[in-house]
Amino acid sequence: MRDYLEWMQDQVSGRVLVIAAFAFIGASLPKDLTVRQRGQAFFVGGLAALVFGEPVRELLALSDTWAYGMAGILAMTGRNIAIFILRASRDPASAAREVLGIWRGRDR
């Protein structure tokens, strides 16, 4: 627990605000989601940005000035993945057809 608290203290509050803003914007955009699903998309988007922000930035050898941009991009990417999974769980067969169509290079 102590390691987790130290990790949270190391996080820059500005970066957390950027992550929350992008995750909130992303979760509020789709009109076909319930409040619960929007909350799930917000949570997953924020979590993706917090967990993968530094490792991806270091993997791409980007400087610290890219941290906020990377956090925003990862928040929106995590949100997109969450919304795709939420929509796919409604109709898994059509979601599988859509993924296979994209994989094979067909237009939707």
N, C-alpha and C. Protein backbone atom coordinates (compact mmCIF):
# COMPACT_ATOMS: atom_id res chain seq x y z
N MET A 1 0.83 -1.19 0.00
CA MET A 1 0.00 0.00 0.00
C MET A 1 0.87 1.25 0.00
N ARG A 2 1.97 1.18 0.70
CA ARG A 2 2.85 2.35 0.78
C ARG A 2 3.44 2.68 -0.59
N ASP A 3 3.80 1.65 -1.38
CA ASP A 3 4.33 1.89 -2.72
C ASP A 3 3.30 2.59 -3.59
N TYR A 4 2.05 2.19 -3.47
CA TYR A 4 0.97 2.80 -4.24
C TYR A 4 0.82 4.28 -3.87
N LEU A 5 0.86 4.58 -2.58
CA LEU A 5 0.72 5.97 -2.15
C LEU A 5 1.89 6.82 -2.63
N GLU A 6 3.10 6.26 -2.61
CA GLU A 6 4.26 6.98 -3.11
C GLU A 6 4.13 7.22 -4.61
N TRP A 7 3.59 6.23 -5.33
CA TRP A 7 3.39 6.38 -6.77
C TRP A 7 2.39 7.49 -7.05
N MET A 8 1.30 7.55 -6.29
CA MET A 8 0.30 8.58 -6.48
C MET A 8 0.87 9.97 -6.19
N GLN A 9 1.75 10.07 -5.22
CA GLN A 9 2.36 11.36 -4.92
C GLN A 9 3.30 11.81 -6.03
N ASP A 10 3.89 10.86 -6.74
CA ASP A 10 4.79 11.18 -7.83
C ASP A 10 4.06 11.68 -9.07
N GLN A 11 2.79 11.35 -9.20
CA GLN A 11 2.03 11.77 -10.37
C GLN A 11 1.84 13.29 -10.33
N VAL A 12 2.04 13.89 -11.46
CA VAL A 12 1.87 15.33 -11.56
C VAL A 12 0.37 15.62 -11.61
N SER A 13 -0.09 16.54 -10.77
CA SER A 13 -1.52 16.82 -10.72
C SER A 13 -2.04 17.37 -12.04
N GLY A 14 -1.22 18.10 -12.75
CA GLY A 14 -1.63 18.61 -14.06
C GLY A 14 -1.90 17.50 -15.05
N ARG A 15 -1.06 16.48 -15.02
CA ARG A 15 -1.25 15.35 -15.92
C ARG A 15 -2.54 14.60 -15.58
N VAL A 16 -2.81 14.47 -14.31
CA VAL A 16 -4.04 13.80 -13.89
C VAL A 16 -5.26 14.60 -14.35
N LEU A 17 -5.17 15.92 -14.30
CA LEU A 17 -6.27 16.75 -14.79
C LEU A 17 -6.46 16.60 -16.30
N VAL A 18 -5.37 16.52 -17.05
CA VAL A 18 -5.46 16.31 -18.49
C VAL A 18 -6.11 14.96 -18.78
N ILE A 19 -5.69 13.94 -18.07
CA ILE A 19 -6.26 12.61 -18.25
C ILE A 19 -7.75 12.62 -17.95
N ALA A 20 -8.13 13.24 -16.83
CA ALA A 20 -9.55 13.30 -16.46
C ALA A 20 -10.36 14.07 -17.50
N ALA A 21 -9.80 15.16 -18.01
CA ALA A 21 -10.52 15.96 -19.01
C ALA A 21 -10.74 15.17 -20.30
N PHE A 22 -9.69 14.53 -20.81
CA PHE A 22 -9.84 13.76 -22.05
C PHE A 22 -10.75 12.56 -21.85
N ALA A 23 -10.65 11.89 -20.72
CA ALA A 23 -11.52 10.74 -20.46
C ALA A 23 -12.98 11.18 -20.33
N PHE A 24 -13.21 12.34 -19.70
CA PHE A 24 -14.57 12.85 -19.56
C PHE A 24 -15.15 13.24 -20.91
N ILE A 25 -14.38 13.95 -21.70
CA ILE A 25 -14.84 14.35 -23.04
C ILE A 25 -15.15 13.11 -23.87
N GLY A 26 -14.25 12.15 -23.84
CA GLY A 26 -14.47 10.93 -24.61
C GLY A 26 -15.67 10.14 -24.15
N ALA A 27 -15.90 10.09 -22.85
CA ALA A 27 -17.03 9.33 -22.33
C ALA A 27 -18.35 10.04 -22.59
N SER A 28 -18.34 11.35 -22.72
CA SER A 28 -19.60 12.08 -22.93
C SER A 28 -19.99 12.19 -24.40
N LEU A 29 -19.12 11.85 -25.33
CA LEU A 29 -19.42 12.00 -26.76
C LEU A 29 -20.46 11.01 -27.29
N PRO A 30 -20.36 9.71 -27.06
CA PRO A 30 -21.35 8.80 -27.65
C PRO A 30 -22.72 9.00 -27.03
N LYS A 31 -23.74 9.03 -27.87
CA LYS A 31 -25.10 9.28 -27.39
C LYS A 31 -25.85 7.99 -27.04
N ASP A 32 -25.32 6.85 -27.44
CA ASP A 32 -26.06 5.59 -27.25
C ASP A 32 -25.65 4.84 -25.98
N LEU A 33 -24.87 5.46 -25.11
CA LEU A 33 -24.43 4.78 -23.89
C LEU A 33 -25.24 5.24 -22.69
N THR A 34 -25.40 4.33 -21.74
CA THR A 34 -26.07 4.67 -20.49
C THR A 34 -25.07 5.39 -19.58
N VAL A 35 -25.57 5.90 -18.48
CA VAL A 35 -24.70 6.59 -17.52
C VAL A 35 -23.65 5.63 -16.97
N ARG A 36 -24.06 4.41 -16.71
CA ARG A 36 -23.12 3.40 -16.20
C ARG A 36 -22.01 3.12 -17.22
N GLN A 37 -22.39 2.97 -18.48
CA GLN A 37 -21.41 2.70 -19.52
C GLN A 37 -20.47 3.89 -19.72
N ARG A 38 -20.99 5.09 -19.58
CA ARG A 38 -20.13 6.29 -19.67
C ARG A 38 -19.12 6.30 -18.53
N GLY A 39 -19.57 5.91 -17.35
CA GLY A 39 -18.66 5.83 -16.21
C GLY A 39 -17.58 4.79 -16.42
N GLN A 40 -17.96 3.67 -17.01
CA GLN A 40 -16.98 2.63 -17.30
C GLN A 40 -15.97 3.11 -18.33
N ALA A 41 -16.43 3.80 -19.37
CA ALA A 41 -15.53 4.32 -20.39
C ALA A 41 -14.58 5.37 -19.80
N PHE A 42 -15.10 6.23 -18.91
CA PHE A 42 -14.26 7.23 -18.25
C PHE A 42 -13.19 6.54 -17.41
N PHE A 43 -13.58 5.54 -16.65
CA PHE A 43 -12.65 4.83 -15.78
C PHE A 43 -11.56 4.13 -16.59
N VAL A 44 -11.95 3.42 -17.63
CA VAL A 44 -10.97 2.69 -18.45
C VAL A 44 -10.03 3.66 -19.16
N GLY A 45 -10.57 4.77 -19.68
CA GLY A 45 -9.72 5.76 -20.35
C GLY A 45 -8.69 6.36 -19.40
N GLY A 46 -9.14 6.72 -18.22
CA GLY A 46 -8.21 7.28 -17.23
C GLY A 46 -7.18 6.27 -16.77
N LEU A 47 -7.63 5.05 -16.55
CA LEU A 47 -6.71 4.00 -16.11
C LEU A 47 -5.67 3.68 -17.17
N ALA A 48 -6.09 3.64 -18.44
CA ALA A 48 -5.14 3.36 -19.52
C ALA A 48 -4.06 4.44 -19.59
N ALA A 49 -4.47 5.69 -19.43
CA ALA A 49 -3.49 6.78 -19.50
C ALA A 49 -2.55 6.77 -18.29
N LEU A 50 -3.08 6.47 -17.12
CA LEU A 50 -2.22 6.43 -15.92
C LEU A 50 -1.24 5.27 -15.96
N VAL A 51 -1.71 4.13 -16.38
CA VAL A 51 -0.87 2.93 -16.33
C VAL A 51 0.14 2.90 -17.47
N PHE A 52 -0.28 3.27 -18.68
CA PHE A 52 0.58 3.11 -19.85
C PHE A 52 1.28 4.39 -20.29
N GLY A 53 1.01 5.52 -19.64
CA GLY A 53 1.59 6.79 -20.08
C GLY A 53 3.11 6.81 -20.08
N GLU A 54 3.69 6.56 -18.95
CA GLU A 54 5.16 6.59 -18.84
C GLU A 54 5.83 5.48 -19.64
N PRO A 55 5.37 4.23 -19.57
CA PRO A 55 6.03 3.18 -20.35
C PRO A 55 6.01 3.44 -21.86
N VAL A 56 4.89 3.94 -22.38
CA VAL A 56 4.82 4.22 -23.83
C VAL A 56 5.72 5.38 -24.18
N ARG A 57 5.74 6.41 -23.35
CA ARG A 57 6.60 7.57 -23.62
C ARG A 57 8.07 7.16 -23.62
N GLU A 58 8.46 6.30 -22.66
CA GLU A 58 9.84 5.82 -22.61
C GLU A 58 10.15 4.88 -23.76
N LEU A 59 9.19 4.06 -24.16
CA LEU A 59 9.39 3.15 -25.28
C LEU A 59 9.64 3.92 -26.57
N LEU A 60 8.91 5.02 -26.75
CA LEU A 60 9.08 5.84 -27.94
C LEU A 60 10.21 6.86 -27.81
N ALA A 61 10.88 6.87 -26.67
CA ALA A 61 12.01 7.77 -26.40
C ALA A 61 11.61 9.23 -26.57
N LEU A 62 10.46 9.60 -25.99
CA LEU A 62 9.99 10.97 -26.05
C LEU A 62 10.40 11.70 -24.78
N SER A 63 10.60 12.99 -24.88
CA SER A 63 11.01 13.78 -23.72
C SER A 63 9.82 14.01 -22.78
N ASP A 64 10.09 14.61 -21.64
CA ASP A 64 9.04 14.87 -20.65
C ASP A 64 7.98 15.84 -21.16
N THR A 65 8.32 16.65 -22.14
CA THR A 65 7.34 17.60 -22.67
C THR A 65 6.19 16.90 -23.39
N TRP A 66 6.37 15.66 -23.76
CA TRP A 66 5.32 14.89 -24.43
C TRP A 66 4.38 14.20 -23.45
N ALA A 67 4.61 14.31 -22.17
CA ALA A 67 3.84 13.56 -21.17
C ALA A 67 2.35 13.91 -21.22
N TYR A 68 2.02 15.19 -21.33
CA TYR A 68 0.61 15.58 -21.33
C TYR A 68 -0.10 15.13 -22.61
N GLY A 69 0.55 15.29 -23.73
CA GLY A 69 -0.04 14.83 -24.99
C GLY A 69 -0.23 13.32 -25.01
N MET A 70 0.76 12.61 -24.51
CA MET A 70 0.66 11.15 -24.46
C MET A 70 -0.46 10.73 -23.52
N ALA A 71 -0.63 11.42 -22.42
CA ALA A 71 -1.71 11.10 -21.49
C ALA A 71 -3.07 11.30 -22.14
N GLY A 72 -3.24 12.38 -22.88
CA GLY A 72 -4.50 12.63 -23.57
C GLY A 72 -4.80 11.59 -24.64
N ILE A 73 -3.78 11.25 -25.41
CA ILE A 73 -3.96 10.24 -26.47
C ILE A 73 -4.33 8.89 -25.88
N LEU A 74 -3.64 8.50 -24.82
CA LEU A 74 -3.94 7.20 -24.19
C LEU A 74 -5.30 7.19 -23.50
N ALA A 75 -5.72 8.33 -22.96
CA ALA A 75 -7.06 8.40 -22.36
C ALA A 75 -8.13 8.19 -23.41
N MET A 76 -7.97 8.81 -24.57
CA MET A 76 -8.95 8.63 -25.65
C MET A 76 -8.88 7.21 -26.23
N THR A 77 -7.69 6.64 -26.33
CA THR A 77 -7.55 5.28 -26.85
C THR A 77 -8.19 4.28 -25.91
N GLY A 78 -7.95 4.42 -24.61
CA GLY A 78 -8.58 3.53 -23.63
C GLY A 78 -10.08 3.66 -23.65
N ARG A 79 -10.57 4.86 -23.82
CA ARG A 79 -12.02 5.09 -23.93
C ARG A 79 -12.58 4.42 -25.17
N ASN A 80 -11.87 4.53 -26.31
CA ASN A 80 -12.34 3.88 -27.54
C ASN A 80 -12.41 2.37 -27.38
N ILE A 81 -11.42 1.79 -26.75
CA ILE A 81 -11.42 0.34 -26.53
C ILE A 81 -12.58 -0.06 -25.63
N ALA A 82 -12.82 0.71 -24.58
CA ALA A 82 -13.92 0.40 -23.67
C ALA A 82 -15.27 0.49 -24.38
N ILE A 83 -15.47 1.52 -25.19
CA ILE A 83 -16.74 1.66 -25.89
C ILE A 83 -16.92 0.57 -26.93
N PHE A 84 -15.86 0.18 -27.61
CA PHE A 84 -15.98 -0.92 -28.56
C PHE A 84 -16.40 -2.21 -27.85
N ILE A 85 -15.80 -2.48 -26.71
CA ILE A 85 -16.15 -3.69 -25.96
C ILE A 85 -17.59 -3.62 -25.47
N LEU A 86 -18.03 -2.44 -25.00
CA LEU A 86 -19.41 -2.29 -24.55
C LEU A 86 -20.39 -2.51 -25.69
N ARG A 87 -20.08 -1.99 -26.85
CA ARG A 87 -20.96 -2.19 -28.01
C ARG A 87 -20.90 -3.61 -28.53
N ALA A 88 -19.73 -4.21 -28.48
CA ALA A 88 -19.59 -5.59 -28.94
C ALA A 88 -20.34 -6.56 -28.04
N SER A 89 -20.44 -6.24 -26.76
CA SER A 89 -21.14 -7.14 -25.85
C SER A 89 -22.65 -7.12 -26.08
N ARG A 90 -23.15 -6.06 -26.74
CA ARG A 90 -24.58 -6.03 -27.09
C ARG A 90 -24.90 -7.01 -28.21
N ASP A 91 -24.03 -7.04 -29.23
CA ASP A 91 -24.23 -7.93 -30.38
C ASP A 91 -22.86 -8.47 -30.82
N PRO A 92 -22.42 -9.55 -30.18
CA PRO A 92 -21.07 -10.05 -30.48
C PRO A 92 -20.88 -10.50 -31.92
N ALA A 93 -21.91 -11.03 -32.56
CA ALA A 93 -21.77 -11.53 -33.93
C ALA A 93 -21.48 -10.38 -34.90
N SER A 94 -22.22 -9.29 -34.79
CA SER A 94 -21.97 -8.17 -35.70
C SER A 94 -20.63 -7.50 -35.40
N ALA A 95 -20.23 -7.49 -34.13
CA ALA A 95 -18.92 -6.93 -33.79
C ALA A 95 -17.81 -7.78 -34.39
N ALA A 96 -17.95 -9.09 -34.34
CA ALA A 96 -16.95 -9.98 -34.94
C ALA A 96 -16.89 -9.79 -36.45
N ARG A 97 -18.06 -9.63 -37.10
CA ARG A 97 -18.08 -9.37 -38.54
C ARG A 97 -17.39 -8.05 -38.87
N GLU A 98 -17.62 -7.05 -38.05
CA GLU A 98 -17.00 -5.75 -38.29
C GLU A 98 -15.49 -5.83 -38.15
N VAL A 99 -15.01 -6.51 -37.12
CA VAL A 99 -13.56 -6.66 -36.93
C VAL A 99 -12.94 -7.45 -38.08
N LEU A 100 -13.60 -8.53 -38.49
CA LEU A 100 -13.07 -9.31 -39.61
C LEU A 100 -13.07 -8.50 -40.90
N GLY A 101 -14.10 -7.68 -41.11
CA GLY A 101 -14.14 -6.82 -42.29
C GLY A 101 -13.01 -5.82 -42.29
N ILE A 102 -12.73 -5.23 -41.14
CA ILE A 102 -11.61 -4.30 -41.04
C ILE A 102 -10.29 -5.02 -41.25
N TRP A 103 -10.17 -6.20 -40.68
CA TRP A 103 -8.95 -7.00 -40.81
C TRP A 103 -8.69 -7.35 -42.27
N ARG A 104 -9.75 -7.69 -42.98
CA ARG A 104 -9.60 -8.09 -44.39
C ARG A 104 -9.54 -6.90 -45.34
N GLY A 105 -9.74 -5.70 -44.82
CA GLY A 105 -9.60 -4.51 -45.65
C GLY A 105 -10.86 -4.13 -46.39
N ARG A 106 -12.01 -4.64 -46.00
CA ARG A 106 -13.27 -4.27 -46.66
C ARG A 106 -13.81 -3.01 -46.03
N ASP A 107 -14.57 -2.27 -46.85
CA ASP A 107 -15.25 -1.10 -46.32
C ASP A 107 -16.44 -1.53 -45.50
N ARG A 108 -16.81 -0.68 -44.56
CA ARG A 108 -17.95 -1.02 -43.71
C ARG A 108 -19.23 -0.82 -44.42
